[in-house]
Amino acid sequence: MNIASIPIDENGRFSGYAAIFNRPDQGGDIIKPGAFRKSLANKKNNPIKLLFQHDPKEPVGIWENICEDGFGLWVQGRLLPKINRARELKNLINNGAIDGLSIGFKTEKARRDRISGYRYIFQLNLWEISIVTFPMMEGARIKPNTSLPANDNLLARSLDAAISLLRNQ
């Protein structure tokens, strides 16, 4: 495995998408752009927790950056090297054994589509983001980059998200 494909760097830092907008997860939820905005603004004094498998007894690191872009909820975290589980996770992730991300939240504003059965989430209260074996959102994965999303479509995706937000208000 070359160094560019290793998801977690020597300092334990990693990044990826914890949620992707406008796609159904395995539970039938579709998170809309802007759903995290209020929650993230309110978490300045009570940071989002970085857990393993949504277990509150298993904190494994800290989130250094969490932001919405036009694609979803992008996160950058750091596993803490003095925590045994964090060292184990770094090894598992860098060897391709685990790479899922999943969010723990309380729904604040949503509506269910009676025809499709999907639940559209417009606002939520984000509690934690976990490293998991099986994410509910297939695309919610740790990626082998450790900086802000470098995507040439970022501007287009951000504009799409802004337009979607305006339509849903």
Protein backbone atom coordinates (compact mmCIF):
# COMPACT_ATOMS: atom_id res chain seq x y z
CA MET A 1 0.00 0.00 0.00
CA ASN A 2 1.54 3.32 -0.99
CA ILE A 3 1.54 6.24 1.43
CA ALA A 4 -1.06 8.21 -0.60
CA SER A 5 -3.62 5.42 -0.16
CA ILE A 6 -3.25 5.12 3.63
CA PRO A 7 -6.39 6.65 5.14
CA ILE A 8 -4.86 7.54 8.53
CA ASP A 9 -1.59 9.44 8.72
CA GLU A 10 1.19 9.01 11.27
CA ASN A 11 -0.54 11.49 13.63
CA GLY A 12 -3.81 9.53 13.56
CA ARG A 13 -5.62 12.01 11.29
CA PHE A 14 -8.23 10.89 8.78
CA SER A 15 -11.15 12.33 6.84
CA GLY A 16 -14.21 11.34 4.90
CA TYR A 17 -17.93 11.86 4.55
CA ALA A 18 -20.12 10.93 7.53
CA ALA A 19 -23.32 11.64 5.56
CA ILE A 20 -24.18 12.25 1.94
CA PHE A 21 -27.02 14.54 0.93
CA ASN A 22 -30.02 13.54 -1.14
CA ARG A 23 -29.33 9.78 -1.04
CA PRO A 24 -31.38 7.26 0.91
CA ASP A 25 -29.61 5.30 3.61
CA GLN A 26 -30.50 1.71 4.49
CA GLY A 27 -33.15 2.96 6.93
CA GLY A 28 -34.94 5.08 4.30
CA ASP A 29 -33.67 8.46 5.56
CA ILE A 30 -32.61 11.14 3.08
CA ILE A 31 -30.66 14.02 4.63
CA LYS A 32 -31.12 17.33 2.88
CA PRO A 33 -28.43 20.01 2.50
CA GLY A 34 -28.41 22.37 5.47
CA ALA A 35 -29.75 19.77 7.92
CA PHE A 36 -26.61 20.00 10.07
CA ARG A 37 -26.17 23.79 10.00
CA LYS A 38 -28.00 24.73 13.22
CA SER A 39 -26.64 21.78 15.17
CA LEU A 40 -23.03 22.48 14.19
CA ALA A 41 -23.44 26.15 15.11
CA ASN A 42 -24.75 25.12 18.56
CA LYS A 43 -21.95 22.62 19.29
CA LYS A 44 -19.16 25.11 19.91
CA ASN A 45 -19.16 24.46 23.69
CA ASN A 46 -20.19 20.80 23.48
CA PRO A 47 -18.23 19.19 20.65
CA ILE A 48 -19.49 16.26 18.60
CA LYS A 49 -18.04 13.01 19.98
CA LEU A 50 -15.89 10.59 17.97
CA LEU A 51 -16.93 7.08 19.02
CA PHE A 52 -16.46 3.51 17.90
CA GLN A 53 -19.67 1.68 16.86
CA HIS A 54 -21.89 4.40 18.48
CA ASP A 55 -20.82 3.18 21.94
CA PRO A 56 -20.62 6.08 24.45
CA LYS A 57 -18.12 3.99 26.43
CA GLU A 58 -15.81 3.89 23.37
CA PRO A 59 -14.54 7.42 22.61
CA VAL A 60 -11.51 6.99 20.36
CA GLY A 61 -10.52 10.48 19.28
CA ILE A 62 -11.65 13.99 18.50
CA TRP A 63 -13.22 15.67 15.51
CA GLU A 64 -10.98 18.52 14.37
CA ASN A 65 -13.17 19.73 11.52
CA ILE A 66 -16.81 19.09 10.61
CA CYS A 67 -18.49 20.96 7.79
CA GLU A 68 -21.29 20.73 5.27
CA ASP A 69 -20.39 21.11 1.64
CA GLY A 70 -22.53 20.53 -1.41
CA PHE A 71 -21.99 16.77 -1.22
CA GLY A 72 -22.56 16.00 2.46
CA LEU A 73 -21.10 16.18 5.94
CA TRP A 74 -17.32 16.15 5.61
CA VAL A 75 -15.29 15.35 8.71
CA GLN A 76 -11.65 15.33 9.71
CA GLY A 77 -10.75 13.57 12.91
CA ARG A 78 -7.78 12.37 14.91
CA LEU A 79 -7.50 9.08 16.75
CA LEU A 80 -5.82 9.46 20.15
CA PRO A 81 -2.68 7.31 20.33
CA LYS A 82 -2.86 6.63 24.08
CA ILE A 83 -6.22 4.88 23.68
CA ASN A 84 -5.85 1.16 22.94
CA ARG A 85 -8.97 0.98 20.78
CA ALA A 86 -7.76 3.97 18.73
CA ARG A 87 -4.45 2.23 17.99
CA GLU A 88 -6.37 -0.89 16.98
CA LEU A 89 -8.67 1.14 14.73
CA LYS A 90 -5.75 2.85 13.02
CA ASN A 91 -4.32 -0.56 12.14
CA LEU A 92 -7.71 -1.92 11.01
CA ILE A 93 -8.47 1.14 8.86
CA ASN A 94 -5.03 1.33 7.26
CA ASN A 95 -5.28 -2.34 6.34
CA GLY A 96 -8.73 -2.00 4.80
CA ALA A 97 -10.62 -4.00 7.45
CA ILE A 98 -12.95 -1.15 8.47
CA ASP A 99 -13.77 2.23 6.91
CA GLY A 100 -17.37 3.15 7.72
CA LEU A 101 -18.66 6.37 9.27
CA SER A 102 -22.09 6.80 10.84
CA ILE A 103 -23.93 9.62 12.59
CA GLY A 104 -25.90 9.58 15.83
CA PHE A 105 -28.58 12.27 15.93
CA LYS A 106 -32.06 13.33 16.95
CA THR A 107 -34.41 14.41 14.17
CA GLU A 108 -35.66 17.98 14.57
CA LYS A 109 -37.52 18.63 11.31
CA ALA A 110 -38.51 15.97 8.77
CA ARG A 111 -41.34 14.76 6.60
CA ARG A 112 -42.17 11.32 5.25
CA ASP A 113 -43.09 10.84 1.63
CA ARG A 114 -46.24 8.71 1.65
CA ILE A 115 -45.55 7.24 -1.77
CA SER A 116 -41.87 6.30 -1.49
CA GLY A 117 -41.81 5.88 2.29
CA TYR A 118 -38.58 7.88 2.50
CA ARG A 119 -38.12 10.26 5.42
CA TYR A 120 -36.61 13.59 4.33
CA ILE A 121 -34.60 15.16 7.14
CA PHE A 122 -34.31 18.95 6.98
CA GLN A 123 -32.87 19.61 10.45
CA LEU A 124 -31.24 17.38 13.03
CA ASN A 125 -29.34 17.57 16.29
CA LEU A 126 -26.01 15.81 15.73
CA TRP A 127 -24.70 14.05 18.85
CA GLU A 128 -21.83 11.92 17.62
CA ILE A 129 -20.07 10.48 14.60
CA SER A 130 -18.73 6.96 14.84
CA ILE A 131 -16.26 4.78 13.04
CA VAL A 132 -18.31 1.68 12.23
CA THR A 133 -18.03 -1.64 10.48
CA PHE A 134 -21.32 -1.29 8.58
CA PRO A 135 -22.53 2.29 7.88
CA MET A 136 -26.23 2.94 7.21
CA MET A 137 -25.17 5.26 4.37
CA GLU A 138 -23.16 3.23 1.87
CA GLY A 139 -20.99 6.19 0.80
CA ALA A 140 -20.18 7.32 4.37
CA ARG A 141 -16.56 6.22 4.40
CA ILE A 142 -13.10 7.21 5.53
CA LYS A 143 -11.14 8.32 2.47
CA PRO A 144 -7.38 8.34 1.84
CA ASN A 145 -7.03 12.13 2.05
CA THR A 146 -6.52 14.26 5.11
CA SER A 147 -7.39 17.74 3.91
CA LEU A 148 -10.55 19.59 3.01
CA PRO A 149 -12.36 17.98 0.10
CA ALA A 150 -10.33 18.78 -2.99
CA ASN A 151 -12.97 18.32 -5.62
CA ASP A 152 -13.22 20.28 -8.81
CA ASN A 153 -17.01 19.94 -8.52
CA LEU A 154 -17.09 21.45 -5.00
CA LEU A 155 -18.37 24.82 -6.25
CA ALA A 156 -21.06 23.17 -8.35
CA ARG A 157 -22.10 20.90 -5.47
CA SER A 158 -22.20 23.89 -3.09
CA LEU A 159 -24.43 25.81 -5.50
CA ASP A 160 -26.70 22.75 -5.84
CA ALA A 161 -26.92 22.54 -2.05
CA ALA A 162 -27.79 26.26 -1.76
CA ILE A 163 -30.51 25.95 -4.40
CA SER A 164 -31.91 22.86 -2.68
CA LEU A 165 -31.95 24.70 0.64
CA LEU A 166 -33.87 27.61 -0.85
CA ARG A 167 -36.43 25.28 -2.41
CA ASN A 168 -37.03 23.48 0.88
CA GLN A 169 -37.71 26.56 3.00
